[in-house]
C-alpha atoms as a PDB file:
ATOM      1  CA  UNK A   1      26.271  49.614 175.945  1.00  0.00           C
ATOM      2  CA  UNK A   2      27.548  53.053 177.028  1.00  0.00           C
ATOM      3  CA  UNK A   3      25.030  53.159 179.889  1.00  0.00           C
ATOM      4  CA  UNK A   4      26.357  49.836 181.218  1.00  0.00           C
ATOM      5  CA  UNK A   5      29.927  51.132 180.900  1.00  0.00           C
ATOM      6  CA  UNK A   6      29.063  54.350 182.752  1.00  0.00           C
ATOM      7  CA  UNK A   7      27.376  52.355 185.512  1.00  0.00           C
ATOM      8  CA  UNK A   8      30.497  50.199 185.884  1.00  0.00           C
ATOM      9  CA  UNK A   9      32.617  53.347 186.219  1.00  0.00           C
ATOM     10  CA  UNK A  10      30.243  54.784 188.857  1.00  0.00           C
ATOM     11  CA  UNK A  11      30.423  51.551 190.849  1.00  0.00           C
ATOM     12  CA  UNK A  12      34.211  51.592 190.659  1.00  0.00           C
ATOM     13  CA  UNK A  13      34.296  55.140 192.047  1.00  0.00           C
ATOM     14  CA  UNK A  14      31.869  54.157 194.797  1.00  0.00           C
ATOM     15  CA  UNK A  15      34.140  51.256 195.763  1.00  0.00           C
ATOM     16  CA  UNK A  16      37.171  53.549 195.937  1.00  0.00           C
ATOM     17  CA  UNK A  17      35.220  56.028 198.056  1.00  0.00           C
ATOM     18  CA  UNK A  18      34.223  53.282 200.474  1.00  0.00           C
ATOM     19  CA  UNK A  19      37.762  51.946 200.680  1.00  0.00           C
ATOM     20  CA  UNK A  20      39.265  55.375 201.429  1.00  0.00           C
ATOM     21  CA  UNK A  21      36.615  56.164 204.052  1.00  0.00           C
ATOM     22  CA  UNK A  22      36.894  52.819 205.854  1.00  0.00           C
ATOM     23  CA  UNK A  23      40.705  52.943 205.938  1.00  0.00           C
ATOM     24  CA  UNK A  24      40.807  56.675 206.709  1.00  0.00           C
ATOM     25  CA  UNK A  25      43.528  57.062 204.098  1.00  0.00           C
ATOM     26  CA  UNK A  26      43.522  58.562 200.591  1.00  0.00           C
ATOM     27  CA  UNK A  27      42.874  56.348 197.579  1.00  0.00           C
ATOM     28  CA  UNK A  28      43.868  57.404 194.069  1.00  0.00           C
ATOM     29  CA  UNK A  29      42.609  56.520 190.631  1.00  0.00           C
ATOM     30  CA  UNK A  30      44.766  56.184 187.541  1.00  0.00           C
ATOM     31  CA  UNK A  31      44.443  58.982 184.968  1.00  0.00           C
ATOM     32  CA  UNK A  32      40.813  59.664 184.029  1.00  0.00           C
ATOM     33  CA  UNK A  33      39.617  60.899 180.656  1.00  0.00           C
ATOM     34  CA  UNK A  34      37.043  63.677 180.365  1.00  0.00           C
ATOM     35  CA  UNK A  35      34.065  61.302 180.299  1.00  0.00           C
ATOM     36  CA  UNK A  36      35.243  59.534 183.453  1.00  0.00           C
ATOM     37  CA  UNK A  37      35.833  62.877 185.165  1.00  0.00           C
ATOM     38  CA  UNK A  38      32.308  63.935 184.231  1.00  0.00           C
ATOM     39  CA  UNK A  39      30.847  60.749 185.734  1.00  0.00           C
ATOM     40  CA  UNK A  40      32.920  61.310 188.866  1.00  0.00           C
ATOM     41  CA  UNK A  41      31.636  64.860 189.321  1.00  0.00           C
ATOM     42  CA  UNK A  42      28.022  63.810 188.771  1.00  0.00           C
ATOM     43  CA  UNK A  43      28.430  61.110 191.445  1.00  0.00           C
ATOM     44  CA  UNK A  44      30.307  63.293 193.910  1.00  0.00           C
ATOM     45  CA  UNK A  45      27.235  64.085 196.012  1.00  0.00           C
ATOM     46  CA  UNK A  46      26.884  60.422 197.019  1.00  0.00           C
ATOM     47  CA  UNK A  47      30.477  60.042 198.235  1.00  0.00           C
ATOM     48  CA  UNK A  48      31.614  60.065 201.851  1.00  0.00           C
ATOM     49  CA  UNK A  49      35.024  61.447 200.889  1.00  0.00           C
ATOM     50  CA  UNK A  50      36.147  64.728 199.410  1.00  0.00           C
ATOM     51  CA  UNK A  51      37.373  64.594 195.805  1.00  0.00           C
ATOM     52  CA  UNK A  52      40.462  66.296 194.406  1.00  0.00           C
ATOM     53  CA  UNK A  53      41.636  66.149 190.775  1.00  0.00           C
ATOM     54  CA  UNK A  54      45.076  66.868 189.343  1.00  0.00           C
ATOM     55  CA  UNK A  55      46.982  65.926 186.201  1.00  0.00           C
ATOM     56  CA  UNK A  56      50.447  67.360 186.782  1.00  0.00           C
ATOM     57  CA  UNK A  57      49.892  70.951 185.612  1.00  0.00           C
ATOM     58  CA  UNK A  58      47.171  73.587 185.436  1.00  0.00           C
ATOM     59  CA  UNK A  59      44.765  72.923 182.586  1.00  0.00           C
ATOM     60  CA  UNK A  60      45.675  69.255 182.155  1.00  0.00           C
ATOM     61  CA  UNK A  61      43.056  67.158 180.385  1.00  0.00           C
ATOM     62  CA  UNK A  62      43.687  63.701 181.807  1.00  0.00           C
ATOM     63  CA  UNK A  63      43.683  63.818 185.613  1.00  0.00           C
ATOM     64  CA  UNK A  64      44.004  61.540 188.618  1.00  0.00           C
ATOM     65  CA  UNK A  65      41.316  61.652 191.294  1.00  0.00           C
ATOM     66  CA  UNK A  66      42.041  61.443 195.010  1.00  0.00           C
ATOM     67  CA  UNK A  67      39.374  60.259 197.464  1.00  0.00           C
ATOM     68  CA  UNK A  68      40.201  62.142 200.679  1.00  0.00           C
ATOM     69  CA  UNK A  69      38.454  60.943 203.856  1.00  0.00           C
ATOM     70  CA  UNK A  70      39.190  64.103 205.871  1.00  0.00           C
ATOM     71  CA  UNK A  71      40.566  67.642 205.662  1.00  0.00           C
ATOM     72  CA  UNK A  72      43.880  66.367 207.060  1.00  0.00           C
ATOM     73  CA  UNK A  73      44.763  64.922 203.659  1.00  0.00           C
ATOM     74  CA  UNK A  74      44.100  67.963 201.447  1.00  0.00           C
ATOM     75  CA  UNK A  75      47.827  68.508 200.762  1.00  0.00           C
ATOM     76  CA  UNK A  76      48.473  64.885 199.802  1.00  0.00           C
ATOM     77  CA  UNK A  77      50.951  64.215 197.003  1.00  0.00           C
ATOM     78  CA  UNK A  78      49.496  62.615 193.877  1.00  0.00           C
ATOM     79  CA  UNK A  79      51.359  59.418 192.855  1.00  0.00           C
ATOM     80  CA  UNK A  80      52.573  60.376 189.394  1.00  0.00           C
ATOM     81  CA  UNK A  81      55.961  60.876 187.781  1.00  0.00           C
ATOM     82  CA  UNK A  82      57.100  63.273 185.070  1.00  0.00           C
ATOM     83  CA  UNK A  83      59.316  61.939 182.292  1.00  0.00           C
ATOM     84  CA  UNK A  84      61.165  63.804 179.561  1.00  0.00           C
ATOM     85  CA  UNK A  85      61.465  61.883 176.301  1.00  0.00           C
ATOM     86  CA  UNK A  86      63.885  63.314 173.756  1.00  0.00           C
ATOM     87  CA  UNK A  87      66.028  62.170 170.832  1.00  0.00           C
ATOM     88  CA  UNK A  88      69.423  60.817 171.843  1.00  0.00           C
ATOM     89  CA  UNK A  89      71.015  62.918 169.088  1.00  0.00           C
ATOM     90  CA  UNK A  90      68.914  65.927 168.108  1.00  0.00           C
ATOM     91  CA  UNK A  91      71.002  66.659 165.026  1.00  0.00           C
ATOM     92  CA  UNK A  92      69.828  63.484 163.273  1.00  0.00           C
ATOM     93  CA  UNK A  93      66.372  63.199 164.827  1.00  0.00           C
ATOM     94  CA  UNK A  94      63.015  63.236 163.073  1.00  0.00           C
ATOM     95  CA  UNK A  95      60.483  65.875 164.069  1.00  0.00           C
ATOM     96  CA  UNK A  96      58.281  63.798 166.364  1.00  0.00           C
ATOM     97  CA  UNK A  97      54.599  64.408 167.009  1.00  0.00           C
ATOM     98  CA  UNK A  98      52.130  63.617 169.780  1.00  0.00           C
ATOM     99  CA  UNK A  99      50.914  60.649 167.739  1.00  0.00           C
ATOM    100  CA  UNK A 100      54.476  59.346 167.347  1.00  0.00           C
ATOM    101  CA  UNK A 101      55.194  59.425 171.081  1.00  0.00           C
ATOM    102  CA  UNK A 102      51.834  57.974 172.100  1.00  0.00           C
ATOM    103  CA  UNK A 103      52.056  55.257 169.465  1.00  0.00           C
ATOM    104  CA  UNK A 104      55.443  54.104 170.709  1.00  0.00           C
ATOM    105  CA  UNK A 105      54.237  54.086 174.318  1.00  0.00           C
ATOM    106  CA  UNK A 106      51.123  52.107 173.430  1.00  0.00           C
ATOM    107  CA  UNK A 107      53.407  49.755 171.511  1.00  0.00           C
ATOM    108  CA  UNK A 108      54.930  48.818 174.870  1.00  0.00           C
ATOM    109  CA  UNK A 109      51.456  47.514 175.810  1.00  0.00           C
ATOM    110  CA  UNK A 110      50.937  50.281 178.369  1.00  0.00           C
ATOM    111  CA  UNK A 111      47.281  50.961 179.110  1.00  0.00           C
ATOM    112  CA  UNK A 112      46.165  54.485 178.310  1.00  0.00           C
ATOM    113  CA  UNK A 113      44.813  55.090 181.825  1.00  0.00           C
ATOM    114  CA  UNK A 114      48.341  54.712 183.216  1.00  0.00           C
ATOM    115  CA  UNK A 115      49.432  57.809 181.308  1.00  0.00           C
ATOM    116  CA  UNK A 116      48.281  61.381 181.614  1.00  0.00           C
ATOM    117  CA  UNK A 117      48.852  64.180 179.122  1.00  0.00           C
ATOM    118  CA  UNK A 118      51.767  64.299 176.736  1.00  0.00           C
ATOM    119  CA  UNK A 119      53.148  67.805 176.185  1.00  0.00           C
ATOM    120  CA  UNK A 120      55.082  67.913 172.927  1.00  0.00           C
ATOM    121  CA  UNK A 121      57.522  70.788 172.519  1.00  0.00           C
ATOM    122  CA  UNK A 122      57.830  70.981 168.731  1.00  0.00           C
ATOM    123  CA  UNK A 123      60.526  73.659 168.565  1.00  0.00           C
ATOM    124  CA  UNK A 124      62.818  71.849 171.001  1.00  0.00           C
ATOM    125  CA  UNK A 125      61.709  68.410 169.725  1.00  0.00           C
ATOM    126  CA  UNK A 126      60.983  66.637 173.003  1.00  0.00           C
ATOM    127  CA  UNK A 127      57.999  65.378 174.971  1.00  0.00           C
ATOM    128  CA  UNK A 128      56.911  65.629 178.596  1.00  0.00           C
ATOM    129  CA  UNK A 129      54.921  62.619 179.808  1.00  0.00           C
ATOM    130  CA  UNK A 130      52.885  62.321 183.017  1.00  0.00           C
ATOM    131  CA  UNK A 131      52.433  58.730 184.182  1.00  0.00           C
ATOM    132  CA  UNK A 132      51.556  56.745 187.295  1.00  0.00           C
ATOM    133  CA  UNK A 133      54.517  56.019 189.537  1.00  0.00           C
ATOM    134  CA  UNK A 134      54.479  52.273 189.060  1.00  0.00           C
ATOM    135  CA  UNK A 135      55.285  52.349 185.333  1.00  0.00           C
ATOM    136  CA  UNK A 136      57.868  55.153 185.248  1.00  0.00           C
ATOM    137  CA  UNK A 137      60.788  52.767 185.597  1.00  0.00           C
ATOM    138  CA  UNK A 138      59.404  50.425 182.952  1.00  0.00           C
ATOM    139  CA  UNK A 139      59.088  53.273 180.444  1.00  0.00           C
ATOM    140  CA  UNK A 140      62.577  54.571 181.206  1.00  0.00           C
ATOM    141  CA  UNK A 141      64.056  51.118 180.574  1.00  0.00           C
ATOM    142  CA  UNK A 142      62.016  50.044 177.563  1.00  0.00           C
ATOM    143  CA  UNK A 143      61.233  53.134 175.495  1.00  0.00           C
ATOM    144  CA  UNK A 144      64.333  53.344 173.329  1.00  0.00           C
ATOM    145  CA  UNK A 145      62.915  54.433 169.979  1.00  0.00           C
ATOM    146  CA  UNK A 146      60.109  56.649 168.673  1.00  0.00           C
ATOM    147  CA  UNK A 147      59.496  56.022 164.974  1.00  0.00           C
ATOM    148  CA  UNK A 148      63.059  55.624 163.649  1.00  0.00           C
ATOM    149  CA  UNK A 149      64.626  57.929 166.219  1.00  0.00           C
ATOM    150  CA  UNK A 150      66.514  56.641 169.245  1.00  0.00           C
ATOM    151  CA  UNK A 151      65.377  58.398 172.402  1.00  0.00           C
ATOM    152  CA  UNK A 152      66.379  58.792 176.016  1.00  0.00           C
ATOM    153  CA  UNK A 153      64.001  58.993 178.983  1.00  0.00           C
ATOM    154  CA  UNK A 154      64.743  60.769 182.242  1.00  0.00           C
ATOM    155  CA  UNK A 155      62.702  61.733 185.289  1.00  0.00           C
ATOM    156  CA  UNK A 156      62.011  65.392 186.050  1.00  0.00           C
ATOM    157  CA  UNK A 157      61.184  66.928 189.454  1.00  0.00           C
ATOM    158  CA  UNK A 158      57.432  67.292 189.391  1.00  0.00           C
ATOM    159  CA  UNK A 159      57.229  70.144 191.897  1.00  0.00           C
ATOM    160  CA  UNK A 160      60.222  72.265 190.886  1.00  0.00           C
ATOM    161  CA  UNK A 161      59.509  72.623 187.171  1.00  0.00           C
ATOM    162  CA  UNK A 162      56.756  74.506 185.363  1.00  0.00           C
ATOM    163  CA  UNK A 163      54.965  72.507 182.719  1.00  0.00           C
ATOM    164  CA  UNK A 164      52.869  74.177 180.064  1.00  0.00           C
ATOM    165  CA  UNK A 165      51.737  73.151 176.578  1.00  0.00           C
ATOM    166  CA  UNK A 166      52.412  75.050 173.376  1.00  0.00           C
ATOM    167  CA  UNK A 167      49.508  76.840 171.723  1.00  0.00           C
ATOM    168  CA  UNK A 168      48.558  77.566 168.122  1.00  0.00           C
ATOM    169  CA  UNK A 169      46.946  80.991 168.331  1.00  0.00           C
ATOM    170  CA  UNK A 170      43.913  82.024 166.305  1.00  0.00           C
ATOM    171  CA  UNK A 171      41.744  85.145 166.152  1.00  0.00           C
ATOM    172  CA  UNK A 172      38.012  84.538 165.823  1.00  0.00           C
ATOM    173  CA  UNK A 173      34.880  86.677 165.584  1.00  0.00           C
ATOM    174  CA  UNK A 174      31.769  85.668 167.546  1.00  0.00           C
ATOM    175  CA  UNK A 175      28.276  87.102 167.624  1.00  0.00           C
ATOM    176  CA  UNK A 176      27.993  86.701 171.415  1.00  0.00           C
ATOM    177  CA  UNK A 177      29.797  85.158 174.383  1.00  0.00           C
ATOM    178  CA  UNK A 178      27.355  82.224 174.463  1.00  0.00           C
ATOM    179  CA  UNK A 179      28.792  78.727 174.212  1.00  0.00           C
ATOM    180  CA  UNK A 180      26.954  77.821 171.007  1.00  0.00           C
ATOM    181  CA  UNK A 181      28.239  80.933 169.223  1.00  0.00           C
ATOM    182  CA  UNK A 182      31.752  80.283 170.474  1.00  0.00           C
ATOM    183  CA  UNK A 183      31.824  76.621 169.440  1.00  0.00           C
ATOM    184  CA  UNK A 184      30.472  77.499 165.988  1.00  0.00           C
ATOM    185  CA  UNK A 185      33.274  80.014 165.429  1.00  0.00           C
ATOM    186  CA  UNK A 186      36.017  77.741 166.751  1.00  0.00           C
ATOM    187  CA  UNK A 187      34.832  74.739 164.752  1.00  0.00           C
ATOM    188  CA  UNK A 188      34.142  76.886 161.661  1.00  0.00           C
ATOM    189  CA  UNK A 189      30.625  75.468 161.550  1.00  0.00           C
ATOM    190  CA  UNK A 190      27.039  76.671 161.766  1.00  0.00           C
ATOM    191  CA  UNK A 191      25.265  77.522 165.028  1.00  0.00           C
ATOM    192  CA  UNK A 192      22.984  74.482 164.534  1.00  0.00           C
ATOM    193  CA  UNK A 193      25.993  72.164 164.133  1.00  0.00           C
ATOM    194  CA  UNK A 194      27.502  73.620 167.298  1.00  0.00           C
ATOM    195  CA  UNK A 195      24.197  73.099 169.126  1.00  0.00           C
ATOM    196  CA  UNK A 196      24.223  69.464 168.041  1.00  0.00           C
ATOM    197  CA  UNK A 197      27.698  69.010 169.556  1.00  0.00           C
ATOM    198  CA  UNK A 198      26.501  70.552 172.819  1.00  0.00           C
ATOM    199  CA  UNK A 199      23.344  68.409 172.934  1.00  0.00           C
ATOM    200  CA  UNK A 200      25.355  65.233 172.316  1.00  0.00           C
ATOM    201  CA  UNK A 201      27.573  66.060 175.338  1.00  0.00           C
ATOM    202  CA  UNK A 202      30.736  66.508 173.290  1.00  0.00           C
ATOM    203  CA  UNK A 203      31.637  69.914 174.735  1.00  0.00           C
ATOM    204  CA  UNK A 204      33.597  70.254 177.970  1.00  0.00           C
ATOM    205  CA  UNK A 205      34.034  73.615 179.674  1.00  0.00           C
ATOM    206  CA  UNK A 206      36.879  73.650 182.210  1.00  0.00           C
ATOM    207  CA  UNK A 207      36.725  69.855 182.379  1.00  0.00           C
ATOM    208  CA  UNK A 208      32.953  69.555 182.812  1.00  0.00           C
ATOM    209  CA  UNK A 209      30.324  68.543 180.274  1.00  0.00           C
ATOM    210  CA  UNK A 210      28.136  71.546 179.460  1.00  0.00           C
ATOM    211  CA  UNK A 211      24.695  71.159 177.885  1.00  0.00           C
ATOM    212  CA  UNK A 212      23.510  74.738 178.194  1.00  0.00           C
ATOM    213  CA  UNK A 213      23.759  76.591 174.894  1.00  0.00           C
ATOM    214  CA  UNK A 214      23.673  79.876 176.818  1.00  0.00           C
ATOM    215  CA  UNK A 215      26.678  79.144 179.039  1.00  0.00           C
ATOM    216  CA  UNK A 216      28.849  82.280 179.125  1.00  0.00           C
ATOM    217  CA  UNK A 217      32.454  82.032 177.923  1.00  0.00           C
ATOM    218  CA  UNK A 218      35.102  84.213 179.548  1.00  0.00           C
ATOM    219  CA  UNK A 219      38.852  84.775 179.462  1.00  0.00           C
ATOM    220  CA  UNK A 220      40.855  81.864 180.839  1.00  0.00           C
ATOM    221  CA  UNK A 221      38.216  79.225 180.048  1.00  0.00           C
ATOM    222  CA  UNK A 222      39.364  75.915 178.572  1.00  0.00           C
ATOM    223  CA  UNK A 223      37.043  74.312 176.041  1.00  0.00           C
ATOM    224  CA  UNK A 224      37.368  70.776 174.705  1.00  0.00           C
ATOM    225  CA  UNK A 225      35.446  69.576 171.670  1.00  0.00           C
ATOM    226  CA  UNK A 226      35.592  65.815 171.857  1.00  0.00           C
ATOM    227  CA  UNK A 227      37.274  64.437 168.751  1.00  0.00           C
ATOM    228  CA  UNK A 228      38.371  67.872 167.515  1.00  0.00           C
ATOM    229  CA  UNK A 229      40.727  69.357 170.081  1.00  0.00           C
ATOM    230  CA  UNK A 230      41.146  71.628 173.080  1.00  0.00           C
ATOM    231  CA  UNK A 231      41.611  75.378 173.284  1.00  0.00           C
ATOM    232  CA  UNK A 232      42.061  78.167 175.797  1.00  0.00           C
ATOM    233  CA  UNK A 233      40.388  81.573 175.651  1.00  0.00           C
ATOM    234  CA  UNK A 234      43.154  84.164 175.882  1.00  0.00           C
ATOM    235  CA  UNK A 235      41.571  87.577 175.381  1.00  0.00           C
ATOM    236  CA  UNK A 236      38.420  89.419 174.386  1.00  0.00           C
ATOM    237  CA  UNK A 237      39.817  92.169 172.172  1.00  0.00           C
ATOM    238  CA  UNK A 238      36.875  94.530 171.761  1.00  0.00           C
ATOM    239  CA  UNK A 239      34.237  94.659 169.035  1.00  0.00           C
ATOM    240  CA  UNK A 240      34.034  94.940 165.279  1.00  0.00           C
ATOM    241  CA  UNK A 241      32.156  97.792 163.597  1.00  0.00           C
ATOM    242  CA  UNK A 242      29.114  95.507 163.446  1.00  0.00           C
ATOM    243  CA  UNK A 243      29.224  94.852 167.189  1.00  0.00           C
ATOM    244  CA  UNK A 244      30.660  91.352 167.052  1.00  0.00           C
ATOM    245  CA  UNK A 245      33.239  90.235 169.605  1.00  0.00           C
ATOM    246  CA  UNK A 246      36.891  89.763 168.703  1.00  0.00           C
ATOM    247  CA  UNK A 247      38.553  86.909 170.638  1.00  0.00           C
ATOM    248  CA  UNK A 248      42.060  85.455 170.687  1.00  0.00           C
ATOM    249  CA  UNK A 249      42.183  81.730 171.395  1.00  0.00           C
ATOM    250  CA  UNK A 250      44.969  79.172 171.607  1.00  0.00           C
ATOM    251  CA  UNK A 251      44.640  75.583 170.423  1.00  0.00           C
ATOM    252  CA  UNK A 252      46.645  73.080 172.440  1.00  0.00           C
ATOM    253  CA  UNK A 253      49.322  71.577 170.167  1.00  0.00           C
END
């Protein structure tokens, strides 16, 4: 079943590539999840166009793809909007989570591929949403409540503001900078369990599926464990007395 689904996705990308090349004008996808991005990258060698990916900010998980028929279009603007969703009256508002915001948006019958990442700022109690241009107005008009809290929605300038997620920091100890050792420490599991995750293509390194257990992890890398979460490697902070590596990581909230 998955193989048929992947083949359908590959054909869709091929169609978009052909359309952009024949029209000599960029064609954009909606927001792609990590699996779709992986399929896109694996198919990239067969395309006539160049491929560019962006999700609204550095390190975004869900990204739009642009099929660019020539170098003249490399600075093209991606067709997304940025919306700020916040309680109408903060004093009486509930503390809203990622699940709360996404649930209310899905309740408007909006397809997931029309929305990119949601950045929830817990301390300030608001959410930043990236979405395709064509539904921004619909969301602004129809999203009036998240859980029991009345909210307002306003557009933000996507080029003038800096968007970054909050992190939950954690210090871990790893036996080596290999991917399998790193995943085991982050997931608080055994090396064999981590290897199983890698073999089943559930580990993404900087947005790409990685199947090599020996892949080297370095500062600045972003690792996603499908179904468990996403983290960023902040610092390697030296070694323990037993020669193990001390690493500071940040889980995306």
